Amino acid sequence: MTSIISIDLVFYLIGVIVMLVAGMTLRDASNPKRYTTAAFWFLFGSSFLFGDLMIMYLGKPMTYRVVGLIVLLIAGIAGANLLGAGTRSDDGAAERKKSAERLGNKLFIPALAVPVITVFLTLFGKELTIAGVHFLDQKNLTLTSLALACIGAIAIGQRITGSSPVVAIRESRRLVDAIGWALILPQMLAMLGGVFVAAKTGTSIQAIVNLFVDPQSRFALVTIYCLSMAAFTMIMGNAFAAFPVMTAGIALPFLILQHHGSPAPIVAIGMFAGYCGTLMTPMAANFNIVPAALLELKDKYQVIKIQIPTALCVLACNIFLMYFLAFP
């Protein structure tokens, strides 16, 4: 055992919570699509909860095929619009409002505790050992820290409100119903990013740039790199997934090696250009679709529409910043 709190335990916890959500959904008669919705979350949670068991008994090749089939089934359920949401009773609305007025700003403490605890454990988690064994998984320090921070935030919220952990699970299920399939989009896009890297997409992009852009034109290369980071992020929904592909295909061979640009400002500003794409795409569900769902906006793309002008202005600034700051 290399750590007490390993990433495997975090995955098991996620799987248990998702399975509880699936069970609650199955019992919710107010959800017209409760069977298919419960099946969706059961399939999603099974990869977290039973992944190691499948590898142990089926082997990696067969497990990969099973998980691939699960992904296809999940996509099919979501694509066929078979996800539904239950109706929330307003019986306790007055009580919830009264409780919120009584607690006031104390309600923000659990939310603020998550980043505070995560940063603290990330910075000092390497020093936490028990009998010579690391307390947190050193290879996944941030993720295990985040998991403990969320558990701590639930405990703090329970202490402040006087409620039980069951309430947290019920509210989780309500949020899951409100967000729907978009909740798992980041994980699916991360998997897609891995596929692009394994397929050496960066090499293909380098060949395309050689065909259509003058390699001696520094400004053209900077513009193409920043625009490509934003565009590919819009497709992937995540700048971290777009970064290795576009940096390997454009920034490294042309801007850094050929034009001798400084790597630090190039990659930093390039990542910032990718974030501009994040503001303009529904694929970035965490930033754009989830807030619209939580705020119950009539137009689920309203957040994106408001952000587009700012994103385009910042993207243009990034192009000029990289051009003037990254080269001697």
C-alpha atoms as a PDB file:
ATOM      1  CA  MET A   1       0.000   0.000   0.000  1.00  0.00           C
ATOM      2  CA  THR A   2       1.596   3.257  -1.131  1.00  0.00           C
ATOM      3  CA  SER A   3      -1.089   5.547   0.346  1.00  0.00           C
ATOM      4  CA  ILE A   4      -4.031   5.367   2.711  1.00  0.00           C
ATOM      5  CA  ILE A   5      -6.364   7.450   0.545  1.00  0.00           C
ATOM      6  CA  SER A   6      -5.753   6.220  -2.990  1.00  0.00           C
ATOM      7  CA  ILE A   7      -7.338   7.300  -6.245  1.00  0.00           C
ATOM      8  CA  ASP A   8      -9.074   3.902  -6.354  1.00  0.00           C
ATOM      9  CA  LEU A   9     -10.972   4.753  -3.159  1.00  0.00           C
ATOM     10  CA  VAL A  10     -12.054   8.031  -4.756  1.00  0.00           C
ATOM     11  CA  PHE A  11     -13.368   6.156  -7.790  1.00  0.00           C
ATOM     12  CA  TYR A  12     -15.239   3.707  -5.556  1.00  0.00           C
ATOM     13  CA  LEU A  13     -16.829   6.614  -3.675  1.00  0.00           C
ATOM     14  CA  ILE A  14     -17.936   8.206  -6.941  1.00  0.00           C
ATOM     15  CA  GLY A  15     -19.377   4.874  -8.051  1.00  0.00           C
ATOM     16  CA  VAL A  16     -21.334   4.437  -4.809  1.00  0.00           C
ATOM     17  CA  ILE A  17     -22.799   7.942  -5.022  1.00  0.00           C
ATOM     18  CA  VAL A  18     -23.799   7.489  -8.667  1.00  0.00           C
ATOM     19  CA  MET A  19     -25.420   4.138  -7.832  1.00  0.00           C
ATOM     20  CA  LEU A  20     -27.413   5.794  -5.037  1.00  0.00           C
ATOM     21  CA  VAL A  21     -28.540   8.434  -7.527  1.00  0.00           C
ATOM     22  CA  ALA A  22     -29.591   5.686  -9.943  1.00  0.00           C
ATOM     23  CA  GLY A  23     -31.557   3.933  -7.184  1.00  0.00           C
ATOM     24  CA  MET A  24     -33.346   7.119  -6.142  1.00  0.00           C
ATOM     25  CA  THR A  25     -34.165   7.868  -9.763  1.00  0.00           C
ATOM     26  CA  LEU A  26     -35.614   4.393 -10.223  1.00  0.00           C
ATOM     27  CA  ARG A  27     -37.937   4.944  -7.248  1.00  0.00           C
ATOM     28  CA  ASP A  28     -39.067   8.399  -8.394  1.00  0.00           C
ATOM     29  CA  ALA A  29     -42.507   7.874  -9.920  1.00  0.00           C
ATOM     30  CA  SER A  30     -42.705  11.542 -10.934  1.00  0.00           C
ATOM     31  CA  ASN A  31     -39.949  11.008 -13.526  1.00  0.00           C
ATOM     32  CA  PRO A  32     -41.607   9.878 -16.779  1.00  0.00           C
ATOM     33  CA  LYS A  33     -38.325   8.405 -18.000  1.00  0.00           C
ATOM     34  CA  ARG A  34     -37.110   6.979 -14.721  1.00  0.00           C
ATOM     35  CA  TYR A  35     -36.119   3.547 -16.082  1.00  0.00           C
ATOM     36  CA  THR A  36     -33.876   4.806 -18.862  1.00  0.00           C
ATOM     37  CA  THR A  37     -32.514   7.614 -16.654  1.00  0.00           C
ATOM     38  CA  ALA A  38     -31.663   5.129 -13.900  1.00  0.00           C
ATOM     39  CA  ALA A  39     -30.045   2.834 -16.493  1.00  0.00           C
ATOM     40  CA  PHE A  40     -27.930   5.765 -17.731  1.00  0.00           C
ATOM     41  CA  TRP A  41     -26.528   6.502 -14.274  1.00  0.00           C
ATOM     42  CA  PHE A  42     -26.135   2.820 -13.426  1.00  0.00           C
ATOM     43  CA  LEU A  43     -24.014   2.300 -16.538  1.00  0.00           C
ATOM     44  CA  PHE A  44     -21.962   5.379 -15.769  1.00  0.00           C
ATOM     45  CA  GLY A  45     -21.375   4.372 -12.147  1.00  0.00           C
ATOM     46  CA  SER A  46     -20.513   0.774 -12.992  1.00  0.00           C
ATOM     47  CA  SER A  47     -17.213   1.750 -14.620  1.00  0.00           C
ATOM     48  CA  PHE A  48     -16.112   3.435 -11.381  1.00  0.00           C
ATOM     49  CA  LEU A  49     -17.389   0.748  -9.042  1.00  0.00           C
ATOM     50  CA  PHE A  50     -16.676  -2.444 -10.977  1.00  0.00           C
ATOM     51  CA  GLY A  51     -13.756  -1.463 -13.227  1.00  0.00           C
ATOM     52  CA  ASP A  52     -11.096  -3.164 -11.102  1.00  0.00           C
ATOM     53  CA  LEU A  53     -13.216  -6.299 -10.704  1.00  0.00           C
ATOM     54  CA  MET A  54     -13.704  -6.529 -14.446  1.00  0.00           C
ATOM     55  CA  ILE A  55      -9.973  -6.235 -15.040  1.00  0.00           C
ATOM     56  CA  MET A  56      -9.325  -8.910 -12.409  1.00  0.00           C
ATOM     57  CA  TYR A  57     -11.757 -11.457 -13.837  1.00  0.00           C
ATOM     58  CA  LEU A  58     -12.058 -10.487 -17.509  1.00  0.00           C
ATOM     59  CA  GLY A  59      -8.634  -9.065 -18.235  1.00  0.00           C
ATOM     60  CA  LYS A  60      -7.809  -5.639 -19.668  1.00  0.00           C
ATOM     61  CA  PRO A  61      -8.693  -6.276 -23.344  1.00  0.00           C
ATOM     62  CA  MET A  62     -12.205  -7.539 -22.533  1.00  0.00           C
ATOM     63  CA  THR A  63     -12.724  -4.818 -19.897  1.00  0.00           C
ATOM     64  CA  TYR A  64     -11.846  -2.159 -22.442  1.00  0.00           C
ATOM     65  CA  ARG A  65     -14.428  -3.599 -24.812  1.00  0.00           C
ATOM     66  CA  VAL A  66     -17.071  -3.698 -22.081  1.00  0.00           C
ATOM     67  CA  VAL A  67     -16.371  -0.092 -21.072  1.00  0.00           C
ATOM     68  CA  GLY A  68     -16.494   0.928 -24.737  1.00  0.00           C
ATOM     69  CA  LEU A  69     -19.900  -0.704 -25.035  1.00  0.00           C
ATOM     70  CA  ILE A  70     -21.027   1.139 -21.897  1.00  0.00           C
ATOM     71  CA  VAL A  71     -19.938   4.443 -23.451  1.00  0.00           C
ATOM     72  CA  LEU A  72     -21.944   3.659 -26.601  1.00  0.00           C
ATOM     73  CA  LEU A  73     -25.027   2.762 -24.547  1.00  0.00           C
ATOM     74  CA  ILE A  74     -24.718   5.954 -22.515  1.00  0.00           C
ATOM     75  CA  ALA A  75     -24.383   8.016 -25.690  1.00  0.00           C
ATOM     76  CA  GLY A  76     -27.389   6.218 -27.192  1.00  0.00           C
ATOM     77  CA  ILE A  77     -29.608   6.935 -24.180  1.00  0.00           C
ATOM     78  CA  ALA A  78     -28.610  10.602 -24.122  1.00  0.00           C
ATOM     79  CA  GLY A  79     -28.846  10.978 -27.907  1.00  0.00           C
ATOM     80  CA  ALA A  80     -32.328   9.459 -27.980  1.00  0.00           C
ATOM     81  CA  ASN A  81     -33.491  12.010 -25.389  1.00  0.00           C
ATOM     82  CA  LEU A  82     -34.357   9.278 -22.886  1.00  0.00           C
ATOM     83  CA  LEU A  83     -33.175  11.206 -19.826  1.00  0.00           C
ATOM     84  CA  GLY A  84     -35.867  12.724 -17.662  1.00  0.00           C
ATOM     85  CA  ALA A  85     -36.219  14.581 -14.371  1.00  0.00           C
ATOM     86  CA  GLY A  86     -38.603  14.191 -11.476  1.00  0.00           C
ATOM     87  CA  THR A  87     -40.761  16.995 -10.155  1.00  0.00           C
ATOM     88  CA  ARG A  88     -39.736  18.488  -6.842  1.00  0.00           C
ATOM     89  CA  SER A  89     -42.459  18.939  -4.248  1.00  0.00           C
ATOM     90  CA  ASP A  90     -42.924  22.465  -2.905  1.00  0.00           C
ATOM     91  CA  ASP A  91     -44.113  21.213   0.454  1.00  0.00           C
ATOM     92  CA  GLY A  92     -40.862  22.171   2.147  1.00  0.00           C
ATOM     93  CA  ALA A  93     -40.243  25.384   0.196  1.00  0.00           C
ATOM     94  CA  ALA A  94     -41.334  27.655   3.034  1.00  0.00           C
ATOM     95  CA  GLU A  95     -39.190  25.754   5.507  1.00  0.00           C
ATOM     96  CA  ARG A  96     -36.145  25.896   3.223  1.00  0.00           C
ATOM     97  CA  LYS A  97     -36.592  29.633   2.741  1.00  0.00           C
ATOM     98  CA  LYS A  98     -36.904  30.195   6.479  1.00  0.00           C
ATOM     99  CA  SER A  99     -33.794  28.100   7.096  1.00  0.00           C
ATOM    100  CA  ALA A 100     -31.832  30.030   4.465  1.00  0.00           C
ATOM    101  CA  GLU A 101     -32.809  33.350   6.044  1.00  0.00           C
ATOM    102  CA  ARG A 102     -31.769  32.067   9.468  1.00  0.00           C
ATOM    103  CA  LEU A 103     -28.381  30.754   8.356  1.00  0.00           C
ATOM    104  CA  GLY A 104     -27.555  33.669   6.062  1.00  0.00           C
ATOM    105  CA  ASN A 105     -23.967  33.815   4.831  1.00  0.00           C
ATOM    106  CA  LYS A 106     -23.058  30.671   6.777  1.00  0.00           C
ATOM    107  CA  LEU A 107     -24.392  28.758   3.784  1.00  0.00           C
ATOM    108  CA  PHE A 108     -21.320  29.844   1.808  1.00  0.00           C
ATOM    109  CA  ILE A 109     -18.891  28.231   4.251  1.00  0.00           C
ATOM    110  CA  PRO A 110     -19.162  24.662   2.817  1.00  0.00           C
ATOM    111  CA  ALA A 111     -18.689  25.965  -0.728  1.00  0.00           C
ATOM    112  CA  LEU A 112     -15.628  27.997   0.265  1.00  0.00           C
ATOM    113  CA  ALA A 113     -14.251  25.070   2.240  1.00  0.00           C
ATOM    114  CA  VAL A 114     -13.811  22.970  -0.917  1.00  0.00           C
ATOM    115  CA  PRO A 115     -11.110  25.123  -2.600  1.00  0.00           C
ATOM    116  CA  VAL A 116      -9.459  26.043   0.722  1.00  0.00           C
ATOM    117  CA  ILE A 117      -9.088  22.431   1.869  1.00  0.00           C
ATOM    118  CA  THR A 118      -8.051  21.279  -1.623  1.00  0.00           C
ATOM    119  CA  VAL A 119      -5.278  23.872  -1.907  1.00  0.00           C
ATOM    120  CA  PHE A 120      -4.079  23.180   1.646  1.00  0.00           C
ATOM    121  CA  LEU A 121      -3.868  19.417   1.119  1.00  0.00           C
ATOM    122  CA  THR A 122      -2.273  19.840  -2.303  1.00  0.00           C
ATOM    123  CA  LEU A 123       0.454  22.057  -0.875  1.00  0.00           C
ATOM    124  CA  PHE A 124       1.142  20.062   2.264  1.00  0.00           C
ATOM    125  CA  GLY A 125      -0.140  16.593   1.362  1.00  0.00           C
ATOM    126  CA  LYS A 126       3.339  15.371   0.475  1.00  0.00           C
ATOM    127  CA  GLU A 127       4.351  15.760   4.110  1.00  0.00           C
ATOM    128  CA  LEU A 128       1.403  13.810   5.552  1.00  0.00           C
ATOM    129  CA  THR A 129       2.507  10.272   6.411  1.00  0.00           C
ATOM    130  CA  ILE A 130       1.285   7.650   8.878  1.00  0.00           C
ATOM    131  CA  ALA A 131       3.722   4.913   9.886  1.00  0.00           C
ATOM    132  CA  GLY A 132       5.809   5.685   6.829  1.00  0.00           C
ATOM    133  CA  VAL A 133       2.833   5.494   4.448  1.00  0.00           C
ATOM    134  CA  HIS A 134       1.601   8.585   2.605  1.00  0.00           C
ATOM    135  CA  PHE A 135      -1.873   9.689   3.654  1.00  0.00           C
ATOM    136  CA  LEU A 136      -2.807  10.843   0.142  1.00  0.00           C
ATOM    137  CA  ASP A 137      -2.079   9.301  -3.245  1.00  0.00           C
ATOM    138  CA  GLN A 138       1.073  11.116  -4.382  1.00  0.00           C
ATOM    139  CA  LYS A 139       0.451  10.433  -8.070  1.00  0.00           C
ATOM    140  CA  ASN A 140      -3.055  11.920  -7.858  1.00  0.00           C
ATOM    141  CA  LEU A 141      -2.571  14.386  -5.019  1.00  0.00           C
ATOM    142  CA  THR A 142      -4.944  17.068  -6.277  1.00  0.00           C
ATOM    143  CA  LEU A 143      -7.793  14.665  -7.030  1.00  0.00           C
ATOM    144  CA  THR A 144      -7.590  12.894  -3.673  1.00  0.00           C
ATOM    145  CA  SER A 145      -7.349  16.285  -1.961  1.00  0.00           C
ATOM    146  CA  LEU A 146     -10.459  17.438  -3.805  1.00  0.00           C
ATOM    147  CA  ALA A 147     -12.344  14.301  -2.755  1.00  0.00           C
ATOM    148  CA  LEU A 148     -11.472  14.834   0.913  1.00  0.00           C
ATOM    149  CA  ALA A 149     -12.378  18.518   0.589  1.00  0.00           C
ATOM    150  CA  CYS A 150     -15.834  17.598  -0.719  1.00  0.00           C
ATOM    151  CA  ILE A 151     -16.352  15.149   2.144  1.00  0.00           C
ATOM    152  CA  GLY A 152     -15.237  17.836   4.580  1.00  0.00           C
ATOM    153  CA  ALA A 153     -17.607  20.353   3.010  1.00  0.00           C
ATOM    154  CA  ILE A 154     -20.510  17.919   3.447  1.00  0.00           C
ATOM    155  CA  ALA A 155     -19.584  17.449   7.107  1.00  0.00           C
ATOM    156  CA  ILE A 156     -19.406  21.226   7.603  1.00  0.00           C
ATOM    157  CA  GLY A 157     -22.741  21.708   5.861  1.00  0.00           C
ATOM    158  CA  GLN A 158     -24.296  19.020   8.011  1.00  0.00           C
ATOM    159  CA  ARG A 159     -22.962  20.730  11.127  1.00  0.00           C
ATOM    160  CA  ILE A 160     -24.294  24.140  10.084  1.00  0.00           C
ATOM    161  CA  THR A 161     -27.729  23.032   8.903  1.00  0.00           C
ATOM    162  CA  GLY A 162     -28.295  20.140  11.290  1.00  0.00           C
ATOM    163  CA  SER A 163     -29.349  17.869   8.410  1.00  0.00           C
ATOM    164  CA  SER A 164     -28.135  14.367   7.533  1.00  0.00           C
ATOM    165  CA  PRO A 165     -25.879  13.093   4.736  1.00  0.00           C
ATOM    166  CA  VAL A 166     -28.994  11.600   3.123  1.00  0.00           C
ATOM    167  CA  VAL A 167     -30.111  15.149   2.335  1.00  0.00           C
ATOM    168  CA  ALA A 168     -26.825  15.720   0.487  1.00  0.00           C
ATOM    169  CA  ILE A 169     -27.448  12.635  -1.657  1.00  0.00           C
ATOM    170  CA  ARG A 170     -31.015  13.740  -2.387  1.00  0.00           C
ATOM    171  CA  GLU A 171     -29.859  17.205  -3.406  1.00  0.00           C
ATOM    172  CA  SER A 172     -27.149  15.615  -5.528  1.00  0.00           C
ATOM    173  CA  ARG A 173     -29.811  13.630  -7.332  1.00  0.00           C
ATOM    174  CA  ARG A 174     -31.832  16.808  -7.892  1.00  0.00           C
ATOM    175  CA  LEU A 175     -28.815  18.559  -9.401  1.00  0.00           C
ATOM    176  CA  VAL A 176     -28.044  15.505 -11.527  1.00  0.00           C
ATOM    177  CA  ASP A 177     -31.605  15.635 -12.872  1.00  0.00           C
ATOM    178  CA  ALA A 178     -31.241  19.348 -13.631  1.00  0.00           C
ATOM    179  CA  ILE A 179     -27.881  19.007 -15.404  1.00  0.00           C
ATOM    180  CA  GLY A 180     -28.524  15.684 -17.155  1.00  0.00           C
ATOM    181  CA  TRP A 181     -26.024  14.130 -19.556  1.00  0.00           C
ATOM    182  CA  ALA A 182     -23.865  17.279 -19.556  1.00  0.00           C
ATOM    183  CA  LEU A 183     -22.548  16.218 -16.156  1.00  0.00           C
ATOM    184  CA  ILE A 184     -20.353  13.491 -17.671  1.00  0.00           C
ATOM    185  CA  LEU A 185     -19.292  15.459 -20.742  1.00  0.00           C
ATOM    186  CA  PRO A 186     -15.895  16.557 -19.305  1.00  0.00           C
ATOM    187  CA  GLN A 187     -14.879  12.941 -18.679  1.00  0.00           C
ATOM    188  CA  MET A 188     -15.935  11.872 -22.172  1.00  0.00           C
ATOM    189  CA  LEU A 189     -14.051  14.787 -23.741  1.00  0.00           C
ATOM    190  CA  ALA A 190     -10.932  13.920 -21.743  1.00  0.00           C
ATOM    191  CA  MET A 191     -11.142  10.401 -23.169  1.00  0.00           C
ATOM    192  CA  LEU A 192     -11.482  11.898 -26.650  1.00  0.00           C
ATOM    193  CA  GLY A 193      -8.386  14.026 -26.051  1.00  0.00           C
ATOM    194  CA  GLY A 194      -6.436  10.887 -25.205  1.00  0.00           C
ATOM    195  CA  VAL A 195      -7.584   9.336 -28.468  1.00  0.00           C
ATOM    196  CA  PHE A 196      -6.352  12.368 -30.449  1.00  0.00           C
ATOM    197  CA  VAL A 197      -2.957  12.257 -28.756  1.00  0.00           C
ATOM    198  CA  ALA A 198      -2.594   8.503 -29.332  1.00  0.00           C
ATOM    199  CA  ALA A 199      -3.521   9.010 -32.984  1.00  0.00           C
ATOM    200  CA  LYS A 200      -0.702  11.586 -33.350  1.00  0.00           C
ATOM    201  CA  THR A 201      -3.083  14.279 -34.532  1.00  0.00           C
ATOM    202  CA  GLY A 202      -0.413  16.905 -33.801  1.00  0.00           C
ATOM    203  CA  THR A 203       1.793  15.497 -36.557  1.00  0.00           C
ATOM    204  CA  SER A 204      -1.059  15.751 -39.054  1.00  0.00           C
ATOM    205  CA  ILE A 205      -1.729  19.350 -38.016  1.00  0.00           C
ATOM    206  CA  GLN A 206       1.945  20.191 -38.538  1.00  0.00           C
ATOM    207  CA  ALA A 207       1.755  18.818 -42.087  1.00  0.00           C
ATOM    208  CA  ILE A 208      -1.410  20.833 -42.833  1.00  0.00           C
ATOM    209  CA  VAL A 209       0.180  24.064 -41.557  1.00  0.00           C
ATOM    210  CA  ASN A 210       3.190  23.444 -43.814  1.00  0.00           C
ATOM    211  CA  LEU A 211       0.851  23.219 -46.789  1.00  0.00           C
ATOM    212  CA  PHE A 212      -1.238  26.364 -46.240  1.00  0.00           C
ATOM    213  CA  VAL A 213       0.855  28.750 -44.109  1.00  0.00           C
ATOM    214  CA  ASP A 214       4.212  30.324 -44.880  1.00  0.00           C
ATOM    215  CA  PRO A 215       6.534  28.903 -42.176  1.00  0.00           C
ATOM    216  CA  GLN A 216       8.558  32.137 -42.287  1.00  0.00           C
ATOM    217  CA  SER A 217       5.586  34.323 -41.361  1.00  0.00           C
ATOM    218  CA  ARG A 218       5.801  34.588 -37.589  1.00  0.00           C
ATOM    219  CA  PHE A 219       2.582  36.595 -37.196  1.00  0.00           C
ATOM    220  CA  ALA A 220       0.622  34.123 -39.343  1.00  0.00           C
ATOM    221  CA  LEU A 221       1.889  31.207 -37.262  1.00  0.00           C
ATOM    222  CA  VAL A 222       1.026  32.983 -33.999  1.00  0.00           C
ATOM    223  CA  THR A 223      -2.450  33.764 -35.310  1.00  0.00           C
ATOM    224  CA  ILE A 224      -3.007  30.200 -36.508  1.00  0.00           C
ATOM    225  CA  TYR A 225      -1.823  28.766 -33.185  1.00  0.00           C
ATOM    226  CA  CYS A 226      -4.087  30.985 -31.059  1.00  0.00           C
ATOM    227  CA  LEU A 227      -7.104  30.543 -33.339  1.00  0.00           C
ATOM    228  CA  SER A 228      -6.520  26.785 -33.522  1.00  0.00           C
ATOM    229  CA  MET A 229      -6.287  26.538 -29.726  1.00  0.00           C
ATOM    230  CA  ALA A 230      -9.606  28.369 -29.397  1.00  0.00           C
ATOM    231  CA  ALA A 231     -11.312  26.391 -32.172  1.00  0.00           C
ATOM    232  CA  PHE A 232     -10.093  22.986 -31.022  1.00  0.00           C
ATOM    233  CA  THR A 233     -11.097  23.842 -27.459  1.00  0.00           C
ATOM    234  CA  MET A 234     -14.573  24.648 -28.750  1.00  0.00           C
ATOM    235  CA  ILE A 235     -14.686  21.179 -30.286  1.00  0.00           C
ATOM    236  CA  MET A 236     -13.172  19.382 -27.293  1.00  0.00           C
ATOM    237  CA  GLY A 237     -14.767  21.541 -24.615  1.00  0.00           C
ATOM    238  CA  ASN A 238     -11.480  21.579 -22.714  1.00  0.00           C
ATOM    239  CA  ALA A 239      -8.303  23.602 -23.301  1.00  0.00           C
ATOM    240  CA  PHE A 240      -6.217  20.928 -21.591  1.00  0.00           C
ATOM    241  CA  ALA A 241      -7.289  18.416 -24.237  1.00  0.00           C
ATOM    242  CA  ALA A 242      -6.543  20.834 -27.085  1.00  0.00           C
ATOM    243  CA  PHE A 243      -3.194  21.987 -25.693  1.00  0.00           C
ATOM    244  CA  PRO A 244      -0.963  18.930 -26.372  1.00  0.00           C
ATOM    245  CA  VAL A 245      -2.350  18.505 -29.881  1.00  0.00           C
ATOM    246  CA  MET A 246      -1.946  22.112 -31.029  1.00  0.00           C
ATOM    247  CA  THR A 247       1.300  22.726 -29.178  1.00  0.00           C
ATOM    248  CA  ALA A 248       2.898  19.616 -30.677  1.00  0.00           C
ATOM    249  CA  GLY A 249       1.582  20.498 -34.139  1.00  0.00           C
ATOM    250  CA  ILE A 250       2.208  24.261 -34.310  1.00  0.00           C
ATOM    251  CA  ALA A 251       3.891  25.864 -31.297  1.00  0.00           C
ATOM    252  CA  LEU A 252       6.781  23.453 -30.802  1.00  0.00           C
ATOM    253  CA  PRO A 253       7.984  22.870 -34.393  1.00  0.00           C
ATOM    254  CA  PHE A 254       7.322  26.372 -35.768  1.00  0.00           C
ATOM    255  CA  LEU A 255       7.223  29.006 -33.026  1.00  0.00           C
ATOM    256  CA  ILE A 256       9.733  27.507 -30.573  1.00  0.00           C
ATOM    257  CA  LEU A 257      12.188  25.496 -32.692  1.00  0.00           C
ATOM    258  CA  GLN A 258      12.084  27.427 -35.968  1.00  0.00           C
ATOM    259  CA  HIS A 259      11.484  31.003 -34.749  1.00  0.00           C
ATOM    260  CA  HIS A 260      13.248  30.508 -31.384  1.00  0.00           C
ATOM    261  CA  GLY A 261      10.355  31.784 -29.330  1.00  0.00           C
ATOM    262  CA  SER A 262      10.407  31.630 -25.544  1.00  0.00           C
ATOM    263  CA  PRO A 263       8.466  28.487 -24.511  1.00  0.00           C
ATOM    264  CA  ALA A 264       6.996  29.896 -21.279  1.00  0.00           C
ATOM    265  CA  PRO A 265       4.992  32.823 -22.731  1.00  0.00           C
ATOM    266  CA  ILE A 266       4.062  30.845 -25.850  1.00  0.00           C
ATOM    267  CA  VAL A 267       2.469  27.948 -24.001  1.00  0.00           C
ATOM    268  CA  ALA A 268       0.950  30.172 -21.287  1.00  0.00           C
ATOM    269  CA  ILE A 269      -0.692  32.557 -23.754  1.00  0.00           C
ATOM    270  CA  GLY A 270      -1.616  29.619 -25.989  1.00  0.00           C
ATOM    271  CA  MET A 271      -3.479  28.010 -23.115  1.00  0.00           C
ATOM    272  CA  PHE A 272      -5.193  31.333 -22.420  1.00  0.00           C
ATOM    273  CA  ALA A 273      -6.275  31.433 -26.067  1.00  0.00           C
ATOM    274  CA  GLY A 274      -7.797  28.006 -25.558  1.00  0.00           C
ATOM    275  CA  TYR A 275      -9.781  29.317 -22.602  1.00  0.00           C
ATOM    276  CA  CYS A 276     -11.305  31.871 -24.971  1.00  0.00           C
ATOM    277  CA  GLY A 277     -12.763  28.936 -26.875  1.00  0.00           C
ATOM    278  CA  THR A 278     -14.116  27.549 -23.610  1.00  0.00           C
ATOM    279  CA  LEU A 279     -16.302  30.643 -23.262  1.00  0.00           C
ATOM    280  CA  MET A 280     -17.895  30.093 -26.671  1.00  0.00           C
ATOM    281  CA  THR A 281     -18.928  26.434 -26.715  1.00  0.00           C
ATOM    282  CA  PRO A 282     -21.679  24.296 -25.183  1.00  0.00           C
ATOM    283  CA  MET A 283     -19.133  21.463 -25.069  1.00  0.00           C
ATOM    284  CA  ALA A 284     -17.638  23.182 -22.008  1.00  0.00           C
ATOM    285  CA  ALA A 285     -20.636  21.997 -20.026  1.00  0.00           C
ATOM    286  CA  ASN A 286     -19.173  22.787 -16.595  1.00  0.00           C
ATOM    287  CA  PHE A 287     -18.817  26.473 -17.431  1.00  0.00           C
ATOM    288  CA  ASN A 288     -21.679  27.176 -19.808  1.00  0.00           C
ATOM    289  CA  ILE A 289     -24.477  24.590 -19.683  1.00  0.00           C
ATOM    290  CA  VAL A 290     -24.449  23.702 -15.981  1.00  0.00           C
ATOM    291  CA  PRO A 291     -24.870  27.337 -14.784  1.00  0.00           C
ATOM    292  CA  ALA A 292     -27.785  27.797 -17.186  1.00  0.00           C
ATOM    293  CA  ALA A 293     -29.411  24.646 -15.816  1.00  0.00           C
ATOM    294  CA  LEU A 294     -28.833  25.605 -12.188  1.00  0.00           C
ATOM    295  CA  LEU A 295     -30.187  29.116 -12.768  1.00  0.00           C
ATOM    296  CA  GLU A 296     -33.116  27.635 -14.720  1.00  0.00           C
ATOM    297  CA  LEU A 297     -32.600  30.010 -17.651  1.00  0.00           C
ATOM    298  CA  LYS A 298     -35.110  29.687 -20.479  1.00  0.00           C
ATOM    299  CA  ASP A 299     -32.307  29.886 -23.074  1.00  0.00           C
ATOM    300  CA  LYS A 300     -29.656  27.293 -22.167  1.00  0.00           C
ATOM    301  CA  TYR A 301     -27.166  29.068 -24.451  1.00  0.00           C
ATOM    302  CA  GLN A 302     -27.665  32.499 -22.857  1.00  0.00           C
ATOM    303  CA  VAL A 303     -24.390  32.261 -20.900  1.00  0.00           C
ATOM    304  CA  ILE A 304     -22.442  31.568 -24.107  1.00  0.00           C
ATOM    305  CA  LYS A 305     -24.093  34.432 -25.996  1.00  0.00           C
ATOM    306  CA  ILE A 306     -23.101  36.888 -23.287  1.00  0.00           C
ATOM    307  CA  GLN A 307     -19.499  35.627 -23.200  1.00  0.00           C
ATOM    308  CA  ILE A 308     -18.732  35.599 -26.944  1.00  0.00           C
ATOM    309  CA  PRO A 309     -17.810  39.332 -27.367  1.00  0.00           C
ATOM    310  CA  THR A 310     -15.444  39.205 -24.389  1.00  0.00           C
ATOM    311  CA  ALA A 311     -13.886  35.949 -25.615  1.00  0.00           C
ATOM    312  CA  LEU A 312     -13.182  37.362 -29.085  1.00  0.00           C
ATOM    313  CA  CYS A 313     -11.597  40.529 -27.667  1.00  0.00           C
ATOM    314  CA  VAL A 314      -9.369  38.562 -25.300  1.00  0.00           C
ATOM    315  CA  LEU A 315      -8.401  36.185 -28.118  1.00  0.00           C
ATOM    316  CA  ALA A 316      -7.286  39.108 -30.293  1.00  0.00           C
ATOM    317  CA  CYS A 317      -5.248  40.495 -27.399  1.00  0.00           C
ATOM    318  CA  ASN A 318      -3.604  37.106 -26.886  1.00  0.00           C
ATOM    319  CA  ILE A 319      -2.424  37.049 -30.508  1.00  0.00           C
ATOM    320  CA  PHE A 320      -0.658  40.405 -30.164  1.00  0.00           C
ATOM    321  CA  LEU A 321       0.705  39.597 -26.705  1.00  0.00           C
ATOM    322  CA  MET A 322       2.308  36.395 -27.968  1.00  0.00           C
ATOM    323  CA  TYR A 323       3.705  38.109 -31.050  1.00  0.00           C
ATOM    324  CA  PHE A 324       5.361  40.925 -29.091  1.00  0.00           C
ATOM    325  CA  LEU A 325       6.323  39.131 -25.864  1.00  0.00           C
ATOM    326  CA  ALA A 326       7.382  35.628 -26.885  1.00  0.00           C
ATOM    327  CA  PHE A 327      10.179  36.405 -29.320  1.00  0.00           C
ATOM    328  CA  PRO A 328      13.560  38.087 -28.728  1.00  0.00           C
END
